[in-house]
């Protein structure tokens, strides 16, 4: 019984280390990478890179193309950069207390 528990802990530690290394590829200096995907001329998806954006990217067709990316410390900062890139003017939010929280404050390391 002790061996199984020890093996299980070892396996969990390896999984945690792998997930940590994977997340390090998408988190740089407290910033997370975001991606802009285009499908045709009108449809687009702006989502987090890496595991946090997997759900959004699963909805993309095979024709979708990654056209731009940026790094941001919060949802608000990412949206500001996205609006600037698209030429849409200044991004504003009705939820500044949540949208301006950094990803680290939200526990997304």
PDB file of N, CA and C in Angstrom:
ATOM      1  N   UNK A   1       0.824  -1.182   0.000  1.00  0.00           N
ATOM      2  CA  UNK A   1       0.000   0.000   0.000  1.00  0.00           C
ATOM      3  C   UNK A   1       0.873   1.253   0.000  1.00  0.00           C
ATOM      4  N   UNK A   2       1.928   1.250   0.767  1.00  0.00           N
ATOM      5  CA  UNK A   2       2.816   2.395   0.838  1.00  0.00           C
ATOM      6  C   UNK A   2       3.477   2.641  -0.525  1.00  0.00           C
ATOM      7  N   UNK A   3       3.843   1.576  -1.218  1.00  0.00           N
ATOM      8  CA  UNK A   3       4.475   1.707  -2.523  1.00  0.00           C
ATOM      9  C   UNK A   3       3.529   2.383  -3.513  1.00  0.00           C
ATOM     10  N   UNK A   4       2.259   1.979  -3.527  1.00  0.00           N
ATOM     11  CA  UNK A   4       1.287   2.564  -4.449  1.00  0.00           C
ATOM     12  C   UNK A   4       1.125   4.050  -4.169  1.00  0.00           C
ATOM     13  N   UNK A   5       1.056   4.409  -2.900  1.00  0.00           N
ATOM     14  CA  UNK A   5       0.907   5.818  -2.532  1.00  0.00           C
ATOM     15  C   UNK A   5       2.141   6.596  -2.977  1.00  0.00           C
ATOM     16  N   UNK A   6       3.316   6.033  -2.752  1.00  0.00           N
ATOM     17  CA  UNK A   6       4.557   6.689  -3.145  1.00  0.00           C
ATOM     18  C   UNK A   6       4.635   6.832  -4.661  1.00  0.00           C
ATOM     19  N   UNK A   7       4.265   5.787  -5.387  1.00  0.00           N
ATOM     20  CA  UNK A   7       4.280   5.842  -6.853  1.00  0.00           C
ATOM     21  C   UNK A   7       3.278   6.871  -7.348  1.00  0.00           C
ATOM     22  N   UNK A   8       2.133   6.928  -6.690  1.00  0.00           N
ATOM     23  CA  UNK A   8       1.108   7.894  -7.074  1.00  0.00           C
ATOM     24  C   UNK A   8       1.604   9.323  -6.865  1.00  0.00           C
ATOM     25  N   UNK A   9       2.266   9.578  -5.745  1.00  0.00           N
ATOM     26  CA  UNK A   9       2.815  10.905  -5.475  1.00  0.00           C
ATOM     27  C   UNK A   9       3.893  11.259  -6.490  1.00  0.00           C
ATOM     28  N   UNK A  10       4.719  10.281  -6.832  1.00  0.00           N
ATOM     29  CA  UNK A  10       5.767  10.508  -7.824  1.00  0.00           C
ATOM     30  C   UNK A  10       5.148  10.875  -9.171  1.00  0.00           C
ATOM     31  N   UNK A  11       4.106  10.142  -9.571  1.00  0.00           N
ATOM     32  CA  UNK A  11       3.423  10.421 -10.826  1.00  0.00           C
ATOM     33  C   UNK A  11       2.809  11.823 -10.797  1.00  0.00           C
ATOM     34  N   UNK A  12       2.158  12.184  -9.690  1.00  0.00           N
ATOM     35  CA  UNK A  12       1.541  13.503  -9.577  1.00  0.00           C
ATOM     36  C   UNK A  12       2.590  14.601  -9.656  1.00  0.00           C
ATOM     37  N   UNK A  13       3.736  14.380  -9.043  1.00  0.00           N
ATOM     38  CA  UNK A  13       4.813  15.371  -9.094  1.00  0.00           C
ATOM     39  C   UNK A  13       5.308  15.554 -10.526  1.00  0.00           C
ATOM     40  N   UNK A  14       5.421  14.454 -11.273  1.00  0.00           N
ATOM     41  CA  UNK A  14       5.865  14.542 -12.665  1.00  0.00           C
ATOM     42  C   UNK A  14       4.840  15.301 -13.508  1.00  0.00           C
ATOM     43  N   UNK A  15       3.549  15.053 -13.275  1.00  0.00           N
ATOM     44  CA  UNK A  15       2.493  15.744 -14.010  1.00  0.00           C
ATOM     45  C   UNK A  15       2.520  17.234 -13.687  1.00  0.00           C
ATOM     46  N   UNK A  16       2.685  17.569 -12.407  1.00  0.00           N
ATOM     47  CA  UNK A  16       2.736  18.979 -12.013  1.00  0.00           C
ATOM     48  C   UNK A  16       3.938  19.674 -12.647  1.00  0.00           C
ATOM     49  N   UNK A  17       5.079  19.008 -12.666  1.00  0.00           N
ATOM     50  CA  UNK A  17       6.272  19.583 -13.278  1.00  0.00           C
ATOM     51  C   UNK A  17       6.051  19.792 -14.776  1.00  0.00           C
ATOM     52  N   UNK A  18       5.454  18.816 -15.451  1.00  0.00           N
ATOM     53  CA  UNK A  18       5.176  18.943 -16.879  1.00  0.00           C
ATOM     54  C   UNK A  18       4.228  20.117 -17.127  1.00  0.00           C
ATOM     55  N   UNK A  19       3.163  20.224 -16.324  1.00  0.00           N
ATOM     56  CA  UNK A  19       2.211  21.333 -16.485  1.00  0.00           C
ATOM     57  C   UNK A  19       2.880  22.671 -16.215  1.00  0.00           C
ATOM     58  N   UNK A  20       3.781  22.711 -15.229  1.00  0.00           N
ATOM     59  CA  UNK A  20       4.496  23.945 -14.922  1.00  0.00           C
ATOM     60  C   UNK A  20       5.376  24.353 -16.100  1.00  0.00           C
ATOM     61  N   UNK A  21       6.096  23.391 -16.658  1.00  0.00           N
ATOM     62  CA  UNK A  21       6.958  23.685 -17.813  1.00  0.00           C
ATOM     63  C   UNK A  21       6.120  24.129 -19.003  1.00  0.00           C
ATOM     64  N   UNK A  22       4.968  23.466 -19.219  1.00  0.00           N
ATOM     65  CA  UNK A  22       4.086  23.830 -20.312  1.00  0.00           C
ATOM     66  C   UNK A  22       3.572  25.248 -20.131  1.00  0.00           C
ATOM     67  N   UNK A  23       3.132  25.587 -18.923  1.00  0.00           N
ATOM     68  CA  UNK A  23       2.605  26.931 -18.691  1.00  0.00           C
ATOM     69  C   UNK A  23       3.704  27.978 -18.813  1.00  0.00           C
ATOM     70  N   UNK A  24       4.952  27.630 -18.514  1.00  0.00           N
ATOM     71  CA  UNK A  24       6.051  28.583 -18.641  1.00  0.00           C
ATOM     72  C   UNK A  24       6.223  29.040 -20.092  1.00  0.00           C
ATOM     73  N   UNK A  25       5.836  28.195 -21.050  1.00  0.00           N
ATOM     74  CA  UNK A  25       5.952  28.567 -22.455  1.00  0.00           C
ATOM     75  C   UNK A  25       4.982  29.667 -22.827  1.00  0.00           C
ATOM     76  N   UNK A  26       3.902  29.832 -22.058  1.00  0.00           N
ATOM     77  CA  UNK A  26       2.872  30.806 -22.382  1.00  0.00           C
ATOM     78  C   UNK A  26       2.813  31.953 -21.383  1.00  0.00           C
ATOM     79  N   UNK A  27       3.625  31.889 -20.332  1.00  0.00           N
ATOM     80  CA  UNK A  27       3.670  32.938 -19.322  1.00  0.00           C
ATOM     81  C   UNK A  27       5.095  33.464 -19.265  1.00  0.00           C
ATOM     82  N   UNK A  28       5.267  34.739 -19.564  1.00  0.00           N
ATOM     83  CA  UNK A  28       6.591  35.351 -19.531  1.00  0.00           C
ATOM     84  C   UNK A  28       6.527  36.593 -18.667  1.00  0.00           C
ATOM     85  N   UNK A  29       7.384  36.645 -17.684  1.00  0.00           N
ATOM     86  CA  UNK A  29       7.475  37.826 -16.827  1.00  0.00           C
ATOM     87  C   UNK A  29       6.092  38.280 -16.356  1.00  0.00           C
ATOM     88  N   UNK A  30       5.316  37.380 -15.828  1.00  0.00           N
ATOM     89  CA  UNK A  30       3.982  37.667 -15.296  1.00  0.00           C
ATOM     90  C   UNK A  30       2.982  38.056 -16.383  1.00  0.00           C
ATOM     91  N   UNK A  31       3.300  37.817 -17.631  1.00  0.00           N
ATOM     92  CA  UNK A  31       2.383  38.105 -18.729  1.00  0.00           C
ATOM     93  C   UNK A  31       1.978  36.804 -19.402  1.00  0.00           C
ATOM     94  N   UNK A  32       0.791  36.810 -19.960  1.00  0.00           N
ATOM     95  CA  UNK A  32       0.317  35.639 -20.690  1.00  0.00           C
ATOM     96  C   UNK A  32       0.171  35.991 -22.163  1.00  0.00           C
ATOM     97  N   UNK A  33       0.478  35.033 -22.991  1.00  0.00           N
ATOM     98  CA  UNK A  33       0.390  35.224 -24.437  1.00  0.00           C
ATOM     99  C   UNK A  33      -1.064  35.061 -24.890  1.00  0.00           C
ATOM    100  N   UNK A  34      -1.480  35.941 -25.801  1.00  0.00           N
ATOM    101  CA  UNK A  34      -2.811  35.918 -26.402  1.00  0.00           C
ATOM    102  C   UNK A  34      -2.653  35.804 -27.914  1.00  0.00           C
ATOM    103  N   UNK A  35      -3.628  35.185 -28.571  1.00  0.00           N
ATOM    104  CA  UNK A  35      -3.546  34.956 -30.006  1.00  0.00           C
ATOM    105  C   UNK A  35      -4.803  35.467 -30.707  1.00  0.00           C
ATOM    106  N   UNK A  36      -4.612  35.995 -31.907  1.00  0.00           N
ATOM    107  CA  UNK A  36      -5.726  36.385 -32.761  1.00  0.00           C
ATOM    108  C   UNK A  36      -5.775  35.440 -33.947  1.00  0.00           C
ATOM    109  N   UNK A  37      -6.887  34.749 -34.083  1.00  0.00           N
ATOM    110  CA  UNK A  37      -7.106  33.800 -35.167  1.00  0.00           C
ATOM    111  C   UNK A  37      -8.176  34.348 -36.097  1.00  0.00           C
ATOM    112  N   UNK A  38      -7.960  34.241 -37.397  1.00  0.00           N
ATOM    113  CA  UNK A  38      -8.943  34.670 -38.386  1.00  0.00           C
ATOM    114  C   UNK A  38      -9.481  33.477 -39.151  1.00  0.00           C
ATOM    115  N   UNK A  39     -10.804  33.510 -39.378  1.00  0.00           N
ATOM    116  CA  UNK A  39     -11.489  32.521 -40.208  1.00  0.00           C
ATOM    117  C   UNK A  39     -12.273  33.307 -41.241  1.00  0.00           C
ATOM    118  N   UNK A  40     -11.850  33.280 -42.461  1.00  0.00           N
ATOM    119  CA  UNK A  40     -12.514  34.075 -43.489  1.00  0.00           C
ATOM    120  C   UNK A  40     -12.231  35.553 -43.268  1.00  0.00           C
ATOM    121  N   UNK A  41     -13.107  36.398 -43.790  1.00  0.00           N
ATOM    122  CA  UNK A  41     -12.887  37.835 -43.679  1.00  0.00           C
ATOM    123  C   UNK A  41     -13.540  38.453 -42.455  1.00  0.00           C
ATOM    124  N   UNK A  42     -14.562  37.835 -41.911  1.00  0.00           N
ATOM    125  CA  UNK A  42     -15.334  38.430 -40.823  1.00  0.00           C
ATOM    126  C   UNK A  42     -15.129  37.771 -39.463  1.00  0.00           C
ATOM    127  N   UNK A  43     -14.892  36.494 -39.426  1.00  0.00           N
ATOM    128  CA  UNK A  43     -14.837  35.768 -38.165  1.00  0.00           C
ATOM    129  C   UNK A  43     -13.436  35.796 -37.571  1.00  0.00           C
ATOM    130  N   UNK A  44     -13.381  36.063 -36.272  1.00  0.00           N
ATOM    131  CA  UNK A  44     -12.097  36.061 -35.590  1.00  0.00           C
ATOM    132  C   UNK A  44     -12.272  35.608 -34.157  1.00  0.00           C
ATOM    133  N   UNK A  45     -11.190  35.094 -33.609  1.00  0.00           N
ATOM    134  CA  UNK A  45     -11.154  34.648 -32.219  1.00  0.00           C
ATOM    135  C   UNK A  45      -9.894  35.199 -31.587  1.00  0.00           C
ATOM    136  N   UNK A  46     -10.062  35.878 -30.461  1.00  0.00           N
ATOM    137  CA  UNK A  46      -8.932  36.389 -29.689  1.00  0.00           C
ATOM    138  C   UNK A  46      -8.959  35.643 -28.368  1.00  0.00           C
ATOM    139  N   UNK A  47      -7.935  34.840 -28.119  1.00  0.00           N
ATOM    140  CA  UNK A  47      -7.952  33.972 -26.941  1.00  0.00           C
ATOM    141  C   UNK A  47      -6.549  33.824 -26.366  1.00  0.00           C
ATOM    142  N   UNK A  48      -6.501  33.220 -25.203  1.00  0.00           N
ATOM    143  CA  UNK A  48      -5.218  32.927 -24.576  1.00  0.00           C
ATOM    144  C   UNK A  48      -4.504  31.821 -25.341  1.00  0.00           C
ATOM    145  N   UNK A  49      -3.205  31.913 -25.389  1.00  0.00           N
ATOM    146  CA  UNK A  49      -2.398  30.842 -25.966  1.00  0.00           C
ATOM    147  C   UNK A  49      -2.290  29.718 -24.937  1.00  0.00           C
ATOM    148  N   UNK A  50      -1.853  28.584 -25.360  1.00  0.00           N
ATOM    149  CA  UNK A  50      -1.604  27.483 -24.436  1.00  0.00           C
ATOM    150  C   UNK A  50      -2.882  26.858 -23.890  1.00  0.00           C
ATOM    151  N   UNK A  51      -2.751  26.136 -22.787  1.00  0.00           N
ATOM    152  CA  UNK A  51      -3.875  25.377 -22.236  1.00  0.00           C
ATOM    153  C   UNK A  51      -5.105  26.222 -21.900  1.00  0.00           C
ATOM    154  N   UNK A  52      -4.912  27.471 -21.479  1.00  0.00           N
ATOM    155  CA  UNK A  52      -6.057  28.311 -21.122  1.00  0.00           C
ATOM    156  C   UNK A  52      -6.915  28.669 -22.335  1.00  0.00           C
ATOM    157  N   UNK A  53      -6.387  28.566 -23.530  1.00  0.00           N
ATOM    158  CA  UNK A  53      -7.153  28.877 -24.736  1.00  0.00           C
ATOM    159  C   UNK A  53      -7.579  27.663 -25.535  1.00  0.00           C
ATOM    160  N   UNK A  54      -7.313  26.476 -25.012  1.00  0.00           N
ATOM    161  CA  UNK A  54      -7.644  25.254 -25.742  1.00  0.00           C
ATOM    162  C   UNK A  54      -9.121  25.182 -26.127  1.00  0.00           C
ATOM    163  N   UNK A  55     -10.000  25.527 -25.202  1.00  0.00           N
ATOM    164  CA  UNK A  55     -11.438  25.451 -25.466  1.00  0.00           C
ATOM    165  C   UNK A  55     -11.855  26.343 -26.619  1.00  0.00           C
ATOM    166  N   UNK A  56     -11.323  27.550 -26.669  1.00  0.00           N
ATOM    167  CA  UNK A  56     -11.658  28.483 -27.758  1.00  0.00           C
ATOM    168  C   UNK A  56     -11.102  27.982 -29.085  1.00  0.00           C
ATOM    169  N   UNK A  57      -9.875  27.510 -29.072  1.00  0.00           N
ATOM    170  CA  UNK A  57      -9.272  27.052 -30.332  1.00  0.00           C
ATOM    171  C   UNK A  57      -9.940  25.793 -30.872  1.00  0.00           C
ATOM    172  N   UNK A  58     -10.535  24.982 -30.005  1.00  0.00           N
ATOM    173  CA  UNK A  58     -11.237  23.782 -30.467  1.00  0.00           C
ATOM    174  C   UNK A  58     -12.439  24.133 -31.339  1.00  0.00           C
ATOM    175  N   UNK A  59     -12.949  25.351 -31.178  1.00  0.00           N
ATOM    176  CA  UNK A  59     -14.106  25.788 -31.958  1.00  0.00           C
ATOM    177  C   UNK A  59     -13.720  26.321 -33.338  1.00  0.00           C
ATOM    178  N   UNK A  60     -12.431  26.500 -33.569  1.00  0.00           N
ATOM    179  CA  UNK A  60     -11.954  27.037 -34.842  1.00  0.00           C
ATOM    180  C   UNK A  60     -12.000  25.974 -35.938  1.00  0.00           C
ATOM    181  N   UNK A  61     -12.236  26.419 -37.154  1.00  0.00           N
ATOM    182  CA  UNK A  61     -12.195  25.488 -38.287  1.00  0.00           C
ATOM    183  C   UNK A  61     -10.737  25.242 -38.672  1.00  0.00           C
ATOM    184  N   UNK A  62     -10.539  24.277 -39.522  1.00  0.00           N
ATOM    185  CA  UNK A  62      -9.190  23.967 -39.994  1.00  0.00           C
ATOM    186  C   UNK A  62      -8.612  25.099 -40.840  1.00  0.00           C
ATOM    187  N   UNK A  63      -9.468  25.978 -41.347  1.00  0.00           N
ATOM    188  CA  UNK A  63      -9.029  27.082 -42.195  1.00  0.00           C
ATOM    189  C   UNK A  63      -8.539  28.285 -41.385  1.00  0.00           C
ATOM    190  N   UNK A  64      -8.743  28.269 -40.081  1.00  0.00           N
ATOM    191  CA  UNK A  64      -8.344  29.397 -39.236  1.00  0.00           C
ATOM    192  C   UNK A  64      -6.831  29.592 -39.284  1.00  0.00           C
ATOM    193  N   UNK A  65      -6.436  30.869 -39.258  1.00  0.00           N
ATOM    194  CA  UNK A  65      -5.009  31.196 -39.302  1.00  0.00           C
ATOM    195  C   UNK A  65      -4.656  32.121 -38.155  1.00  0.00           C
ATOM    196  N   UNK A  66      -3.543  31.812 -37.505  1.00  0.00           N
ATOM    197  CA  UNK A  66      -3.002  32.676 -36.466  1.00  0.00           C
ATOM    198  C   UNK A  66      -2.344  33.868 -37.157  1.00  0.00           C
ATOM    199  N   UNK A  67      -2.844  35.085 -36.866  1.00  0.00           N
ATOM    200  CA  UNK A  67      -2.339  36.259 -37.585  1.00  0.00           C
ATOM    201  C   UNK A  67      -1.601  37.254 -36.688  1.00  0.00           C
ATOM    202  N   UNK A  68      -1.779  37.147 -35.362  1.00  0.00           N
ATOM    203  CA  UNK A  68      -1.152  38.125 -34.471  1.00  0.00           C
ATOM    204  C   UNK A  68      -1.168  37.563 -33.054  1.00  0.00           C
ATOM    205  N   UNK A  69      -0.202  37.990 -32.257  1.00  0.00           N
ATOM    206  CA  UNK A  69      -0.194  37.610 -30.839  1.00  0.00           C
ATOM    207  C   UNK A  69       0.405  38.751 -30.030  1.00  0.00           C
ATOM    208  N   UNK A  70       0.109  38.741 -28.746  1.00  0.00           N
ATOM    209  CA  UNK A  70       0.659  39.744 -27.839  1.00  0.00           C
ATOM    210  C   UNK A  70       0.747  39.127 -26.444  1.00  0.00           C
ATOM    211  N   UNK A  71       1.447  39.809 -25.566  1.00  0.00           N
ATOM    212  CA  UNK A  71       1.537  39.396 -24.166  1.00  0.00           C
ATOM    213  C   UNK A  71       0.910  40.473 -23.312  1.00  0.00           C
ATOM    214  N   UNK A  72       0.202  40.052 -22.268  1.00  0.00           N
ATOM    215  CA  UNK A  72      -0.455  41.012 -21.384  1.00  0.00           C
ATOM    216  C   UNK A  72      -0.533  40.445 -19.970  1.00  0.00           C
ATOM    217  N   UNK A  73      -0.579  41.350 -18.991  1.00  0.00           N
ATOM    218  CA  UNK A  73      -0.680  40.953 -17.584  1.00  0.00           C
ATOM    219  C   UNK A  73      -2.122  40.733 -17.141  1.00  0.00           C
ATOM    220  N   UNK A  74      -3.094  41.233 -17.926  1.00  0.00           N
ATOM    221  CA  UNK A  74      -4.503  41.120 -17.536  1.00  0.00           C
ATOM    222  C   UNK A  74      -5.374  41.065 -18.786  1.00  0.00           C
ATOM    223  N   UNK A  75      -6.623  40.696 -18.569  1.00  0.00           N
ATOM    224  CA  UNK A  75      -7.591  40.699 -19.667  1.00  0.00           C
ATOM    225  C   UNK A  75      -7.717  42.110 -20.241  1.00  0.00           C
ATOM    226  N   UNK A  76      -7.773  43.103 -19.371  1.00  0.00           N
ATOM    227  CA  UNK A  76      -7.920  44.488 -19.805  1.00  0.00           C
ATOM    228  C   UNK A  76      -6.760  44.924 -20.700  1.00  0.00           C
ATOM    229  N   UNK A  77      -5.532  44.618 -20.273  1.00  0.00           N
ATOM    230  CA  UNK A  77      -4.360  44.988 -21.073  1.00  0.00           C
ATOM    231  C   UNK A  77      -4.382  44.278 -22.422  1.00  0.00           C
ATOM    232  N   UNK A  78      -4.772  43.006 -22.427  1.00  0.00           N
ATOM    233  CA  UNK A  78      -4.838  42.257 -23.688  1.00  0.00           C
ATOM    234  C   UNK A  78      -5.858  42.894 -24.625  1.00  0.00           C
ATOM    235  N   UNK A  79      -7.003  43.277 -24.102  1.00  0.00           N
ATOM    236  CA  UNK A  79      -8.036  43.881 -24.934  1.00  0.00           C
ATOM    237  C   UNK A  79      -7.615  45.257 -25.448  1.00  0.00           C
ATOM    238  N   UNK A  80      -6.879  46.015 -24.640  1.00  0.00           N
ATOM    239  CA  UNK A  80      -6.362  47.305 -25.105  1.00  0.00           C
ATOM    240  C   UNK A  80      -5.455  47.096 -26.318  1.00  0.00           C
ATOM    241  N   UNK A  81      -4.560  46.121 -26.220  1.00  0.00           N
ATOM    242  CA  UNK A  81      -3.636  45.838 -27.319  1.00  0.00           C
ATOM    243  C   UNK A  81      -4.386  45.336 -28.558  1.00  0.00           C
ATOM    244  N   UNK A  82      -5.382  44.506 -28.336  1.00  0.00           N
ATOM    245  CA  UNK A  82      -6.201  43.979 -29.424  1.00  0.00           C
ATOM    246  C   UNK A  82      -6.936  45.113 -30.134  1.00  0.00           C
ATOM    247  N   UNK A  83      -7.564  45.999 -29.393  1.00  0.00           N
ATOM    248  CA  UNK A  83      -8.277  47.131 -29.992  1.00  0.00           C
ATOM    249  C   UNK A  83      -7.312  48.033 -30.766  1.00  0.00           C
ATOM    250  N   UNK A  84      -6.136  48.254 -30.201  1.00  0.00           N
ATOM    251  CA  UNK A  84      -5.138  49.078 -30.882  1.00  0.00           C
ATOM    252  C   UNK A  84      -4.733  48.413 -32.198  1.00  0.00           C
ATOM    253  N   UNK A  85      -4.452  47.112 -32.166  1.00  0.00           N
ATOM    254  CA  UNK A  85      -4.061  46.377 -33.364  1.00  0.00           C
ATOM    255  C   UNK A  85      -5.154  46.451 -34.434  1.00  0.00           C
ATOM    256  N   UNK A  86      -6.415  46.328 -34.030  1.00  0.00           N
ATOM    257  CA  UNK A  86      -7.530  46.332 -34.970  1.00  0.00           C
ATOM    258  C   UNK A  86      -7.906  47.743 -35.431  1.00  0.00           C
ATOM    259  N   UNK A  87      -7.396  48.786 -34.743  1.00  0.00           N
ATOM    260  CA  UNK A  87      -7.737  50.159 -35.104  1.00  0.00           C
ATOM    261  C   UNK A  87      -9.134  50.560 -34.657  1.00  0.00           C
ATOM    262  N   UNK A  88      -9.597  49.993 -33.560  1.00  0.00           N
ATOM    263  CA  UNK A  88     -10.952  50.231 -33.076  1.00  0.00           C
ATOM    264  C   UNK A  88     -11.045  51.332 -32.021  1.00  0.00           C
ATOM    265  N   UNK A  89      -9.957  52.007 -31.747  1.00  0.00           N
ATOM    266  CA  UNK A  89      -9.982  53.040 -30.716  1.00  0.00           C
ATOM    267  C   UNK A  89      -9.646  52.472 -29.342  1.00  0.00           C
ATOM    268  N   UNK A  90     -10.066  53.178 -28.311  1.00  0.00           N
ATOM    269  CA  UNK A  90      -9.726  52.798 -26.943  1.00  0.00           C
ATOM    270  C   UNK A  90     -10.707  51.759 -26.401  1.00  0.00           C
ATOM    271  N   UNK A  91     -10.163  50.729 -25.779  1.00  0.00           N
ATOM    272  CA  UNK A  91     -10.990  49.700 -25.158  1.00  0.00           C
ATOM    273  C   UNK A  91     -11.447  50.178 -23.790  1.00  0.00           C
ATOM    274  N   UNK A  92     -12.708  50.000 -23.498  1.00  0.00           N
ATOM    275  CA  UNK A  92     -13.246  50.293 -22.166  1.00  0.00           C
ATOM    276  C   UNK A  92     -13.993  49.063 -21.675  1.00  0.00           C
ATOM    277  N   UNK A  93     -14.255  49.026 -20.382  1.00  0.00           N
ATOM    278  CA  UNK A  93     -14.941  47.891 -19.793  1.00  0.00           C
ATOM    279  C   UNK A  93     -15.963  48.359 -18.762  1.00  0.00           C
ATOM    280  N   UNK A  94     -17.017  47.592 -18.616  1.00  0.00           N
ATOM    281  CA  UNK A  94     -18.008  47.849 -17.575  1.00  0.00           C
ATOM    282  C   UNK A  94     -17.629  47.142 -16.274  1.00  0.00           C
ATOM    283  N   UNK A  95     -16.563  46.347 -16.311  1.00  0.00           N
ATOM    284  CA  UNK A  95     -16.149  45.548 -15.160  1.00  0.00           C
ATOM    285  C   UNK A  95     -14.672  45.759 -14.837  1.00  0.00           C
ATOM    286  N   UNK A  96     -14.242  46.994 -14.573  1.00  0.00           N
ATOM    287  CA  UNK A  96     -12.809  47.244 -14.363  1.00  0.00           C
ATOM    288  C   UNK A  96     -12.230  46.518 -13.153  1.00  0.00           C
ATOM    289  N   UNK A  97     -13.036  46.318 -12.111  1.00  0.00           N
ATOM    290  CA  UNK A  97     -12.500  45.659 -10.915  1.00  0.00           C
ATOM    291  C   UNK A  97     -12.101  44.211 -11.181  1.00  0.00           C
ATOM    292  N   UNK A  98     -12.731  43.551 -12.120  1.00  0.00           N
ATOM    293  CA  UNK A  98     -12.325  42.177 -12.449  1.00  0.00           C
ATOM    294  C   UNK A  98     -11.427  42.129 -13.682  1.00  0.00           C
ATOM    295  N   UNK A  99     -11.730  42.924 -14.703  1.00  0.00           N
ATOM    296  CA  UNK A  99     -10.960  42.873 -15.944  1.00  0.00           C
ATOM    297  C   UNK A  99      -9.529  43.375 -15.785  1.00  0.00           C
ATOM    298  N   UNK A 100      -9.294  44.233 -14.809  1.00  0.00           N
ATOM    299  CA  UNK A 100      -7.948  44.782 -14.616  1.00  0.00           C
ATOM    300  C   UNK A 100      -7.108  43.965 -13.641  1.00  0.00           C
ATOM    301  N   UNK A 101      -7.686  42.925 -13.033  1.00  0.00           N
ATOM    302  CA  UNK A 101      -6.894  42.045 -12.174  1.00  0.00           C
ATOM    303  C   UNK A 101      -5.878  41.318 -13.028  1.00  0.00           C
ATOM    304  N   UNK A 102      -4.666  41.232 -12.519  1.00  0.00           N
ATOM    305  CA  UNK A 102      -3.643  40.520 -13.272  1.00  0.00           C
ATOM    306  C   UNK A 102      -3.942  39.024 -13.238  1.00  0.00           C
ATOM    307  N   UNK A 103      -3.374  38.315 -14.203  1.00  0.00           N
ATOM    308  CA  UNK A 103      -3.564  36.869 -14.236  1.00  0.00           C
ATOM    309  C   UNK A 103      -2.975  36.216 -12.988  1.00  0.00           C
ATOM    310  N   UNK A 104      -1.929  36.801 -12.445  1.00  0.00           N
ATOM    311  CA  UNK A 104      -1.354  36.262 -11.215  1.00  0.00           C
ATOM    312  C   UNK A 104      -2.334  36.443 -10.055  1.00  0.00           C
ATOM    313  N   UNK A 105      -2.997  37.610  -9.995  1.00  0.00           N
ATOM    314  CA  UNK A 105      -4.006  37.828  -8.952  1.00  0.00           C
ATOM    315  C   UNK A 105      -5.142  36.837  -9.069  1.00  0.00           C
ATOM    316  N   UNK A 106      -5.417  36.395 -10.286  1.00  0.00           N
ATOM    317  CA  UNK A 106      -6.470  35.420 -10.515  1.00  0.00           C
ATOM    318  C   UNK A 106      -5.996  33.980 -10.296  1.00  0.00           C
ATOM    319  N   UNK A 107      -4.693  33.837 -10.019  1.00  0.00           N
ATOM    320  CA  UNK A 107      -4.137  32.501  -9.783  1.00  0.00           C
ATOM    321  C   UNK A 107      -3.755  31.758 -11.033  1.00  0.00           C
ATOM    322  N   UNK A 108      -3.602  32.467 -12.157  1.00  0.00           N
ATOM    323  CA  UNK A 108      -3.254  31.841 -13.431  1.00  0.00           C
ATOM    324  C   UNK A 108      -1.759  31.966 -13.657  1.00  0.00           C
ATOM    325  N   UNK A 109      -0.996  31.113 -13.046  1.00  0.00           N
ATOM    326  CA  UNK A 109       0.458  31.159 -13.240  1.00  0.00           C
ATOM    327  C   UNK A 109       0.891  30.102 -14.208  1.00  0.00           C
TER     328      UNK A 109
END
